[in-house]
Amino acid sequence: MVGEDDIALLLLSRGANPNGLDDRQISPLSLVAISGRLDMAQALLDAGADPDSGSSGGRTIVSPLGGAAGAGEVEMTALLIDAGAGPDADVNSDDGMRLLPHASMYGYTDAMRLLLDAGADPNGGYDRRANTAGPLLIAVLGGRIEAVRMLLDAGANPQSALLDGVRPAMLTQDREILDLLGW
């Protein structure tokens, strides 16, 4: 029986564009990254898929690395970083949320470690086109103790603030997090 992957591999072998977008403006690499399909991701990369396609405010709704890191797909995140995907890219082009704050929101510490090791800025922001909150604020707000510890160890500023002056320590009553923040 011939499956979707077989058809995709055949099309790629016949010169299909690995960077083509579907009707939702999502690339094939983004789709397989979200689902953790490592073999297909490698086949697309081998065929010339751009690991950063649309991940810097381009036309693509979900970047491949944004999809992988945002879904907690650690092996896929590593594959895409190794292929050259930028660790400070936006998750998608709609709200400007970068990968590290997104991973910290969900406590995906393995993906966070990969992003930080690849050079992601521990103070890099989430902008939502107005009030900016970096990964530390988001991790504190979510009560993600390991994410808070990891970000502080990587150099995140515990005094970072939103435009209205809200600082990380103002967002929690968790004693362990407050201790980590030096309060």
N, C-alpha and C. Protein backbone atom coordinates (compact mmCIF):
# COMPACT_ATOMS: atom_id res chain seq x y z
N MET A 1 0.84 -1.18 0.00
CA MET A 1 0.00 0.00 0.00
C MET A 1 0.89 1.25 0.00
N VAL A 2 0.52 2.21 -0.82
CA VAL A 2 1.27 3.44 -0.94
C VAL A 2 0.66 4.48 -0.01
N GLY A 3 1.51 5.09 0.83
CA GLY A 3 1.02 6.09 1.77
C GLY A 3 1.42 7.50 1.37
N GLU A 4 1.00 8.47 2.17
CA GLU A 4 1.31 9.87 1.90
C GLU A 4 2.81 10.12 1.82
N ASP A 5 3.56 9.50 2.73
CA ASP A 5 5.01 9.70 2.73
C ASP A 5 5.63 9.18 1.44
N ASP A 6 5.16 8.04 0.96
CA ASP A 6 5.68 7.48 -0.29
C ASP A 6 5.43 8.42 -1.46
N ILE A 7 4.23 9.00 -1.49
CA ILE A 7 3.89 9.94 -2.56
C ILE A 7 4.75 11.19 -2.46
N ALA A 8 4.92 11.69 -1.24
CA ALA A 8 5.75 12.88 -1.03
C ALA A 8 7.19 12.62 -1.46
N LEU A 9 7.71 11.47 -1.09
CA LEU A 9 9.09 11.13 -1.48
C LEU A 9 9.23 11.01 -3.00
N LEU A 10 8.23 10.43 -3.63
CA LEU A 10 8.24 10.32 -5.09
C LEU A 10 8.23 11.71 -5.73
N LEU A 11 7.36 12.58 -5.23
CA LEU A 11 7.28 13.94 -5.77
C LEU A 11 8.59 14.69 -5.57
N LEU A 12 9.20 14.53 -4.41
CA LEU A 12 10.49 15.18 -4.15
C LEU A 12 11.56 14.65 -5.10
N SER A 13 11.54 13.34 -5.34
CA SER A 13 12.54 12.75 -6.24
C SER A 13 12.36 13.22 -7.68
N ARG A 14 11.15 13.70 -8.00
CA ARG A 14 10.85 14.19 -9.35
C ARG A 14 10.94 15.72 -9.43
N GLY A 15 11.49 16.34 -8.37
CA GLY A 15 11.75 17.78 -8.43
C GLY A 15 10.69 18.68 -7.83
N ALA A 16 9.77 18.14 -7.04
CA ALA A 16 8.76 18.99 -6.40
C ALA A 16 9.45 19.99 -5.47
N ASN A 17 8.87 21.17 -5.36
CA ASN A 17 9.42 22.24 -4.53
C ASN A 17 9.21 21.91 -3.04
N PRO A 18 10.28 21.68 -2.29
CA PRO A 18 10.12 21.35 -0.87
C PRO A 18 9.72 22.56 -0.02
N ASN A 19 9.73 23.75 -0.63
CA ASN A 19 9.37 24.97 0.10
C ASN A 19 8.00 25.51 -0.29
N GLY A 20 7.25 24.74 -1.07
CA GLY A 20 5.93 25.18 -1.48
C GLY A 20 5.01 25.31 -0.27
N LEU A 21 4.04 26.21 -0.36
CA LEU A 21 3.11 26.44 0.74
C LEU A 21 1.73 25.90 0.39
N ASP A 22 1.02 25.43 1.40
CA ASP A 22 -0.35 24.98 1.15
C ASP A 22 -1.29 26.19 1.17
N ASP A 23 -2.58 25.95 1.08
CA ASP A 23 -3.54 27.05 1.01
C ASP A 23 -3.62 27.86 2.30
N ARG A 24 -3.08 27.33 3.39
CA ARG A 24 -3.03 28.08 4.66
C ARG A 24 -1.69 28.78 4.83
N GLN A 25 -0.84 28.72 3.80
CA GLN A 25 0.50 29.31 3.82
C GLN A 25 1.43 28.59 4.79
N ILE A 26 1.27 27.28 4.91
CA ILE A 26 2.13 26.46 5.77
C ILE A 26 2.99 25.57 4.89
N SER A 27 4.28 25.54 5.19
CA SER A 27 5.21 24.74 4.40
C SER A 27 5.15 23.27 4.79
N PRO A 28 5.56 22.38 3.88
CA PRO A 28 5.60 20.96 4.23
C PRO A 28 6.49 20.68 5.44
N LEU A 29 7.60 21.40 5.53
CA LEU A 29 8.50 21.19 6.68
C LEU A 29 7.83 21.58 7.99
N SER A 30 7.04 22.64 7.97
CA SER A 30 6.31 23.03 9.19
C SER A 30 5.32 21.94 9.59
N LEU A 31 4.62 21.39 8.63
CA LEU A 31 3.63 20.35 8.93
C LEU A 31 4.27 19.11 9.54
N VAL A 32 5.39 18.66 8.96
CA VAL A 32 6.01 17.45 9.52
C VAL A 32 6.73 17.76 10.83
N ALA A 33 7.19 19.01 11.00
CA ALA A 33 7.87 19.39 12.25
C ALA A 33 6.91 19.34 13.43
N ILE A 34 5.70 19.84 13.23
CA ILE A 34 4.70 19.85 14.29
C ILE A 34 4.36 18.43 14.74
N SER A 35 4.33 17.52 13.79
CA SER A 35 3.94 16.14 14.11
C SER A 35 5.12 15.25 14.47
N GLY A 36 6.34 15.81 14.45
CA GLY A 36 7.51 15.05 14.87
C GLY A 36 7.94 13.97 13.90
N ARG A 37 7.62 14.12 12.63
CA ARG A 37 7.95 13.11 11.62
C ARG A 37 9.38 13.34 11.11
N LEU A 38 10.33 12.82 11.86
CA LEU A 38 11.75 13.06 11.60
C LEU A 38 12.21 12.60 10.22
N ASP A 39 11.78 11.43 9.78
CA ASP A 39 12.21 10.91 8.48
C ASP A 39 11.77 11.84 7.34
N MET A 40 10.53 12.31 7.41
CA MET A 40 10.04 13.20 6.37
C MET A 40 10.72 14.57 6.46
N ALA A 41 10.98 15.04 7.65
CA ALA A 41 11.69 16.31 7.80
C ALA A 41 13.08 16.22 7.18
N GLN A 42 13.76 15.12 7.44
CA GLN A 42 15.10 14.94 6.87
C GLN A 42 15.03 14.85 5.35
N ALA A 43 14.03 14.17 4.83
CA ALA A 43 13.87 14.07 3.37
C ALA A 43 13.62 15.45 2.76
N LEU A 44 12.80 16.26 3.40
CA LEU A 44 12.53 17.61 2.90
C LEU A 44 13.79 18.47 2.97
N LEU A 45 14.53 18.37 4.07
CA LEU A 45 15.79 19.13 4.20
C LEU A 45 16.78 18.68 3.13
N ASP A 46 16.88 17.37 2.92
CA ASP A 46 17.78 16.85 1.89
C ASP A 46 17.40 17.34 0.50
N ALA A 47 16.11 17.60 0.29
CA ALA A 47 15.62 18.08 -1.00
C ALA A 47 15.71 19.60 -1.12
N GLY A 48 16.23 20.25 -0.07
CA GLY A 48 16.43 21.70 -0.15
C GLY A 48 15.44 22.55 0.61
N ALA A 49 14.64 21.96 1.48
CA ALA A 49 13.70 22.76 2.28
C ALA A 49 14.47 23.72 3.17
N ASP A 50 13.97 24.93 3.27
CA ASP A 50 14.60 25.96 4.09
C ASP A 50 14.16 25.79 5.54
N PRO A 51 15.11 25.50 6.46
CA PRO A 51 14.72 25.28 7.85
C PRO A 51 14.17 26.54 8.53
N ASP A 52 14.38 27.70 7.92
CA ASP A 52 13.88 28.95 8.46
C ASP A 52 12.72 29.52 7.65
N SER A 53 12.13 28.71 6.80
CA SER A 53 11.11 29.25 5.89
C SER A 53 10.00 29.96 6.65
N GLY A 54 9.88 31.24 6.36
CA GLY A 54 8.81 32.04 6.94
C GLY A 54 8.94 32.34 8.41
N SER A 55 10.08 32.05 9.02
CA SER A 55 10.16 32.19 10.46
C SER A 55 10.62 33.57 10.93
N SER A 56 10.75 34.50 10.03
CA SER A 56 11.12 35.86 10.44
C SER A 56 10.11 36.87 9.92
N GLY A 57 8.85 36.59 10.18
CA GLY A 57 7.79 37.49 9.75
C GLY A 57 7.42 37.33 8.30
N GLY A 58 7.81 36.21 7.70
CA GLY A 58 7.49 35.96 6.30
C GLY A 58 6.03 35.58 6.12
N ARG A 59 5.74 34.94 5.01
CA ARG A 59 4.36 34.61 4.67
C ARG A 59 3.84 33.40 5.44
N THR A 60 4.72 32.59 5.95
CA THR A 60 4.29 31.35 6.57
C THR A 60 3.70 31.60 7.95
N ILE A 61 2.56 30.99 8.22
CA ILE A 61 1.90 31.15 9.51
C ILE A 61 2.72 30.50 10.63
N VAL A 62 3.21 29.28 10.41
CA VAL A 62 3.96 28.55 11.43
C VAL A 62 5.33 28.19 10.87
N SER A 63 6.39 28.64 11.53
CA SER A 63 7.73 28.27 11.09
C SER A 63 8.01 26.82 11.49
N PRO A 64 8.90 26.13 10.76
CA PRO A 64 9.21 24.75 11.14
C PRO A 64 9.72 24.63 12.58
N LEU A 65 10.68 25.46 12.95
CA LEU A 65 11.22 25.39 14.31
C LEU A 65 10.18 25.82 15.32
N GLY A 66 9.36 26.80 14.96
CA GLY A 66 8.27 27.21 15.84
C GLY A 66 7.29 26.08 16.09
N GLY A 67 6.98 25.35 15.04
CA GLY A 67 6.08 24.21 15.19
C GLY A 67 6.67 23.12 16.06
N ALA A 68 7.96 22.82 15.84
CA ALA A 68 8.61 21.76 16.61
C ALA A 68 8.79 22.13 18.07
N ALA A 69 9.39 23.30 18.32
CA ALA A 69 9.63 23.73 19.70
C ALA A 69 8.30 23.98 20.42
N GLY A 70 7.34 24.54 19.67
CA GLY A 70 6.04 24.83 20.26
C GLY A 70 5.24 23.59 20.59
N ALA A 71 5.55 22.48 19.96
CA ALA A 71 4.87 21.22 20.24
C ALA A 71 5.69 20.34 21.19
N GLY A 72 6.84 20.85 21.63
CA GLY A 72 7.69 20.07 22.53
C GLY A 72 8.40 18.91 21.85
N GLU A 73 8.54 18.99 20.53
CA GLU A 73 9.20 17.94 19.75
C GLU A 73 10.72 18.16 19.80
N VAL A 74 11.36 17.57 20.79
CA VAL A 74 12.77 17.83 21.08
C VAL A 74 13.68 17.34 19.96
N GLU A 75 13.48 16.12 19.49
CA GLU A 75 14.35 15.60 18.42
C GLU A 75 14.20 16.42 17.14
N MET A 76 12.99 16.84 16.84
CA MET A 76 12.76 17.66 15.66
C MET A 76 13.40 19.03 15.84
N THR A 77 13.28 19.59 17.03
CA THR A 77 13.90 20.89 17.33
C THR A 77 15.41 20.79 17.09
N ALA A 78 16.03 19.72 17.57
CA ALA A 78 17.47 19.54 17.38
C ALA A 78 17.82 19.39 15.91
N LEU A 79 17.03 18.62 15.17
CA LEU A 79 17.27 18.43 13.74
C LEU A 79 17.23 19.76 13.00
N LEU A 80 16.24 20.57 13.28
CA LEU A 80 16.09 21.85 12.58
C LEU A 80 17.18 22.84 12.96
N ILE A 81 17.57 22.86 14.22
CA ILE A 81 18.68 23.73 14.63
C ILE A 81 19.96 23.29 13.93
N ASP A 82 20.20 21.97 13.90
CA ASP A 82 21.38 21.44 13.21
C ASP A 82 21.37 21.78 11.72
N ALA A 83 20.17 21.92 11.15
CA ALA A 83 20.03 22.25 9.73
C ALA A 83 20.15 23.76 9.48
N GLY A 84 20.28 24.53 10.57
CA GLY A 84 20.49 25.97 10.41
C GLY A 84 19.34 26.87 10.77
N ALA A 85 18.28 26.35 11.35
CA ALA A 85 17.17 27.20 11.76
C ALA A 85 17.62 28.15 12.87
N GLY A 86 17.20 29.38 12.79
CA GLY A 86 17.59 30.39 13.79
C GLY A 86 16.81 30.24 15.08
N PRO A 87 17.50 30.20 16.24
CA PRO A 87 16.84 29.95 17.51
C PRO A 87 16.02 31.13 18.03
N ASP A 88 16.18 32.32 17.46
CA ASP A 88 15.41 33.48 17.92
C ASP A 88 14.29 33.86 16.97
N ALA A 89 13.88 32.93 16.14
CA ALA A 89 12.81 33.21 15.19
C ALA A 89 11.46 33.31 15.90
N ASP A 90 10.50 33.89 15.20
CA ASP A 90 9.13 33.93 15.71
C ASP A 90 8.50 32.55 15.57
N VAL A 91 7.59 32.22 16.48
CA VAL A 91 6.82 30.99 16.35
C VAL A 91 5.93 31.09 15.13
N ASN A 92 5.29 32.23 14.97
CA ASN A 92 4.48 32.49 13.77
C ASN A 92 4.52 33.97 13.48
N SER A 93 4.04 34.36 12.32
CA SER A 93 4.16 35.75 11.91
C SER A 93 2.98 36.60 12.34
N ASP A 94 2.02 36.04 13.06
CA ASP A 94 0.86 36.80 13.47
C ASP A 94 1.07 37.62 14.74
N ASP A 95 1.73 37.05 15.74
CA ASP A 95 1.81 37.77 17.01
C ASP A 95 3.23 38.12 17.45
N GLY A 96 4.23 37.70 16.72
CA GLY A 96 5.60 38.05 17.06
C GLY A 96 6.18 37.28 18.22
N MET A 97 5.51 36.24 18.71
CA MET A 97 6.06 35.48 19.83
C MET A 97 7.26 34.68 19.35
N ARG A 98 8.37 34.85 20.04
CA ARG A 98 9.56 34.09 19.72
C ARG A 98 9.49 32.70 20.33
N LEU A 99 10.41 31.86 19.89
CA LEU A 99 10.39 30.45 20.29
C LEU A 99 10.64 30.24 21.78
N LEU A 100 11.61 30.95 22.35
CA LEU A 100 11.96 30.71 23.75
C LEU A 100 10.82 31.07 24.70
N PRO A 101 10.17 32.24 24.54
CA PRO A 101 9.02 32.50 25.41
C PRO A 101 7.91 31.47 25.24
N HIS A 102 7.70 31.03 24.01
CA HIS A 102 6.65 30.04 23.74
C HIS A 102 6.97 28.73 24.47
N ALA A 103 8.21 28.26 24.33
CA ALA A 103 8.60 27.02 25.01
C ALA A 103 8.54 27.19 26.53
N SER A 104 8.90 28.37 27.04
CA SER A 104 8.86 28.59 28.48
C SER A 104 7.43 28.62 29.00
N MET A 105 6.49 29.08 28.18
CA MET A 105 5.09 29.12 28.58
C MET A 105 4.58 27.71 28.89
N TYR A 106 5.02 26.74 28.10
CA TYR A 106 4.55 25.37 28.28
C TYR A 106 5.50 24.50 29.10
N GLY A 107 6.61 25.07 29.54
CA GLY A 107 7.56 24.32 30.34
C GLY A 107 8.32 23.27 29.55
N TYR A 108 8.52 23.50 28.25
CA TYR A 108 9.27 22.57 27.42
C TYR A 108 10.76 22.82 27.63
N THR A 109 11.26 22.37 28.77
CA THR A 109 12.64 22.69 29.14
C THR A 109 13.68 22.03 28.24
N ASP A 110 13.38 20.87 27.69
CA ASP A 110 14.34 20.24 26.77
C ASP A 110 14.48 21.08 25.51
N ALA A 111 13.36 21.55 24.98
CA ALA A 111 13.41 22.43 23.81
C ALA A 111 14.08 23.75 24.16
N MET A 112 13.80 24.26 25.36
CA MET A 112 14.44 25.51 25.81
C MET A 112 15.95 25.36 25.85
N ARG A 113 16.42 24.24 26.38
CA ARG A 113 17.86 24.01 26.47
C ARG A 113 18.49 24.03 25.08
N LEU A 114 17.85 23.36 24.12
CA LEU A 114 18.37 23.35 22.75
C LEU A 114 18.42 24.76 22.17
N LEU A 115 17.36 25.52 22.37
CA LEU A 115 17.31 26.89 21.86
C LEU A 115 18.38 27.76 22.50
N LEU A 116 18.53 27.66 23.81
CA LEU A 116 19.55 28.46 24.51
C LEU A 116 20.95 28.05 24.07
N ASP A 117 21.19 26.75 23.95
CA ASP A 117 22.50 26.27 23.51
C ASP A 117 22.83 26.74 22.09
N ALA A 118 21.77 26.95 21.28
CA ALA A 118 21.97 27.41 19.90
C ALA A 118 22.07 28.93 19.82
N GLY A 119 21.97 29.61 20.97
CA GLY A 119 22.16 31.05 20.98
C GLY A 119 20.92 31.89 21.15
N ALA A 120 19.79 31.29 21.49
CA ALA A 120 18.59 32.09 21.72
C ALA A 120 18.83 33.08 22.86
N ASP A 121 18.29 34.27 22.71
CA ASP A 121 18.45 35.33 23.71
C ASP A 121 17.52 35.06 24.90
N PRO A 122 18.07 34.84 26.11
CA PRO A 122 17.22 34.56 27.27
C PRO A 122 16.36 35.75 27.68
N ASN A 123 16.65 36.92 27.12
CA ASN A 123 15.84 38.11 27.37
C ASN A 123 15.01 38.50 26.16
N GLY A 124 15.06 37.66 25.11
CA GLY A 124 14.33 37.94 23.88
C GLY A 124 12.84 37.98 24.14
N GLY A 125 12.16 38.88 23.48
CA GLY A 125 10.79 39.17 23.86
C GLY A 125 9.67 38.52 23.10
N TYR A 126 8.56 38.60 23.74
CA TYR A 126 7.25 38.33 23.15
C TYR A 126 6.65 39.71 22.99
N ASP A 127 6.20 40.08 21.81
CA ASP A 127 5.76 41.48 21.71
C ASP A 127 4.26 41.70 21.61
N ARG A 128 3.51 40.79 21.07
CA ARG A 128 2.07 40.92 20.86
C ARG A 128 1.73 42.33 20.38
N ARG A 129 2.74 42.89 19.68
CA ARG A 129 2.60 44.20 19.02
C ARG A 129 2.28 45.33 19.99
N ALA A 130 2.63 45.14 21.26
CA ALA A 130 2.39 46.21 22.24
C ALA A 130 3.26 45.99 23.46
N ASN A 131 2.68 45.40 24.50
CA ASN A 131 3.35 45.22 25.78
C ASN A 131 4.24 43.97 25.70
N THR A 132 5.53 44.11 25.88
CA THR A 132 6.48 43.03 25.67
C THR A 132 6.74 42.25 26.95
N ALA A 133 6.67 40.93 26.86
CA ALA A 133 7.01 40.05 27.98
C ALA A 133 8.01 39.02 27.46
N GLY A 134 9.15 38.94 28.08
CA GLY A 134 10.15 37.97 27.68
C GLY A 134 9.88 36.61 28.27
N PRO A 135 10.76 35.66 27.97
CA PRO A 135 10.55 34.29 28.43
C PRO A 135 10.50 34.16 29.95
N LEU A 136 11.28 34.98 30.68
CA LEU A 136 11.28 34.87 32.14
C LEU A 136 9.92 35.26 32.72
N LEU A 137 9.38 36.37 32.27
CA LEU A 137 8.06 36.78 32.76
C LEU A 137 7.01 35.71 32.47
N ILE A 138 7.08 35.13 31.30
CA ILE A 138 6.10 34.11 30.92
C ILE A 138 6.28 32.84 31.76
N ALA A 139 7.52 32.44 32.00
CA ALA A 139 7.78 31.26 32.82
C ALA A 139 7.32 31.48 34.26
N VAL A 140 7.58 32.67 34.79
CA VAL A 140 7.15 32.99 36.16
C VAL A 140 5.63 32.95 36.25
N LEU A 141 4.99 33.61 35.32
CA LEU A 141 3.52 33.66 35.31
C LEU A 141 2.92 32.26 35.25
N GLY A 142 3.56 31.37 34.52
CA GLY A 142 3.07 29.99 34.40
C GLY A 142 3.51 29.07 35.53
N GLY A 143 4.32 29.58 36.46
CA GLY A 143 4.80 28.74 37.56
C GLY A 143 5.77 27.67 37.13
N ARG A 144 6.50 27.91 36.07
CA ARG A 144 7.44 26.93 35.50
C ARG A 144 8.81 27.07 36.16
N ILE A 145 8.98 26.43 37.31
CA ILE A 145 10.18 26.60 38.13
C ILE A 145 11.45 26.23 37.38
N GLU A 146 11.46 25.08 36.71
CA GLU A 146 12.67 24.68 35.98
C GLU A 146 12.98 25.64 34.84
N ALA A 147 11.95 26.13 34.17
CA ALA A 147 12.16 27.11 33.10
C ALA A 147 12.74 28.41 33.67
N VAL A 148 12.23 28.85 34.81
CA VAL A 148 12.75 30.06 35.46
C VAL A 148 14.23 29.86 35.79
N ARG A 149 14.55 28.73 36.42
CA ARG A 149 15.94 28.44 36.79
C ARG A 149 16.85 28.43 35.56
N MET A 150 16.40 27.76 34.50
CA MET A 150 17.19 27.65 33.28
C MET A 150 17.43 29.03 32.66
N LEU A 151 16.41 29.85 32.60
CA LEU A 151 16.54 31.18 32.00
C LEU A 151 17.47 32.07 32.82
N LEU A 152 17.35 32.02 34.14
CA LEU A 152 18.24 32.82 34.99
C LEU A 152 19.69 32.35 34.83
N ASP A 153 19.90 31.03 34.78
CA ASP A 153 21.25 30.49 34.58
C ASP A 153 21.83 30.92 33.23
N ALA A 154 20.94 31.14 32.25
CA ALA A 154 21.39 31.55 30.91
C ALA A 154 21.56 33.06 30.79
N GLY A 155 21.26 33.79 31.88
CA GLY A 155 21.48 35.23 31.86
C GLY A 155 20.24 36.10 31.73
N ALA A 156 19.06 35.52 31.91
CA ALA A 156 17.84 36.33 31.86
C ALA A 156 17.87 37.36 32.99
N ASN A 157 17.38 38.53 32.70
CA ASN A 157 17.36 39.64 33.67
C ASN A 157 16.15 39.49 34.59
N PRO A 158 16.37 39.25 35.90
CA PRO A 158 15.24 39.10 36.82
C PRO A 158 14.49 40.41 37.06
N GLN A 159 15.06 41.51 36.62
CA GLN A 159 14.40 42.81 36.78
C GLN A 159 13.70 43.28 35.51
N SER A 160 13.66 42.43 34.49
CA SER A 160 12.98 42.80 33.24
C SER A 160 11.52 43.15 33.56
N ALA A 161 10.98 44.11 32.83
CA ALA A 161 9.63 44.57 33.15
C ALA A 161 8.81 44.80 31.88
N LEU A 162 7.52 44.73 32.06
CA LEU A 162 6.59 45.12 31.01
C LEU A 162 6.57 46.64 30.93
N LEU A 163 5.93 47.19 29.93
CA LEU A 163 5.87 48.64 29.77
C LEU A 163 5.23 49.32 30.97
N ASP A 164 4.32 48.63 31.66
CA ASP A 164 3.65 49.23 32.81
C ASP A 164 4.42 49.01 34.12
N GLY A 165 5.64 48.49 34.03
CA GLY A 165 6.49 48.33 35.21
C GLY A 165 6.35 47.01 35.93
N VAL A 166 5.51 46.11 35.48
CA VAL A 166 5.34 44.81 36.13
C VAL A 166 6.62 44.00 35.94
N ARG A 167 7.15 43.50 37.04
CA ARG A 167 8.36 42.69 37.03
C ARG A 167 8.01 41.23 37.35
N PRO A 168 8.93 40.30 37.01
CA PRO A 168 8.62 38.88 37.23
C PRO A 168 8.16 38.55 38.65
N ALA A 169 8.81 39.10 39.66
CA ALA A 169 8.46 38.76 41.05
C ALA A 169 7.05 39.21 41.43
N MET A 170 6.50 40.14 40.66
CA MET A 170 5.14 40.62 40.95
C MET A 170 4.07 39.67 40.41
N LEU A 171 4.49 38.65 39.68
CA LEU A 171 3.54 37.76 39.03
C LEU A 171 3.38 36.42 39.73
N THR A 172 4.00 36.27 40.88
CA THR A 172 3.95 34.97 41.54
C THR A 172 3.96 35.12 43.06
N GLN A 173 3.43 34.11 43.71
CA GLN A 173 3.56 33.98 45.15
C GLN A 173 4.34 32.72 45.50
N ASP A 174 4.83 32.05 44.48
CA ASP A 174 5.58 30.81 44.67
C ASP A 174 6.92 31.16 45.32
N ARG A 175 7.13 30.65 46.54
CA ARG A 175 8.33 30.98 47.31
C ARG A 175 9.62 30.55 46.59
N GLU A 176 9.60 29.39 45.94
CA GLU A 176 10.80 28.91 45.26
C GLU A 176 11.16 29.83 44.09
N ILE A 177 10.16 30.26 43.34
CA ILE A 177 10.43 31.17 42.24
C ILE A 177 10.91 32.52 42.76
N LEU A 178 10.27 33.02 43.82
CA LEU A 178 10.71 34.29 44.41
C LEU A 178 12.15 34.21 44.89
N ASP A 179 12.53 33.08 45.48
CA ASP A 179 13.92 32.89 45.90
C ASP A 179 14.86 32.90 44.71
N LEU A 180 14.46 32.22 43.63
CA LEU A 180 15.29 32.22 42.42
C LEU A 180 15.48 33.63 41.87
N LEU A 181 14.44 34.44 41.98
CA LEU A 181 14.49 35.82 41.47
C LEU A 181 15.20 36.77 42.44
N GLY A 182 15.55 36.27 43.63
CA GLY A 182 16.26 37.10 44.59
C GLY A 182 15.35 38.01 45.42
N TRP A 183 14.08 37.62 45.58
CA TRP A 183 13.14 38.42 46.36
C TRP A 183 12.88 37.76 47.69
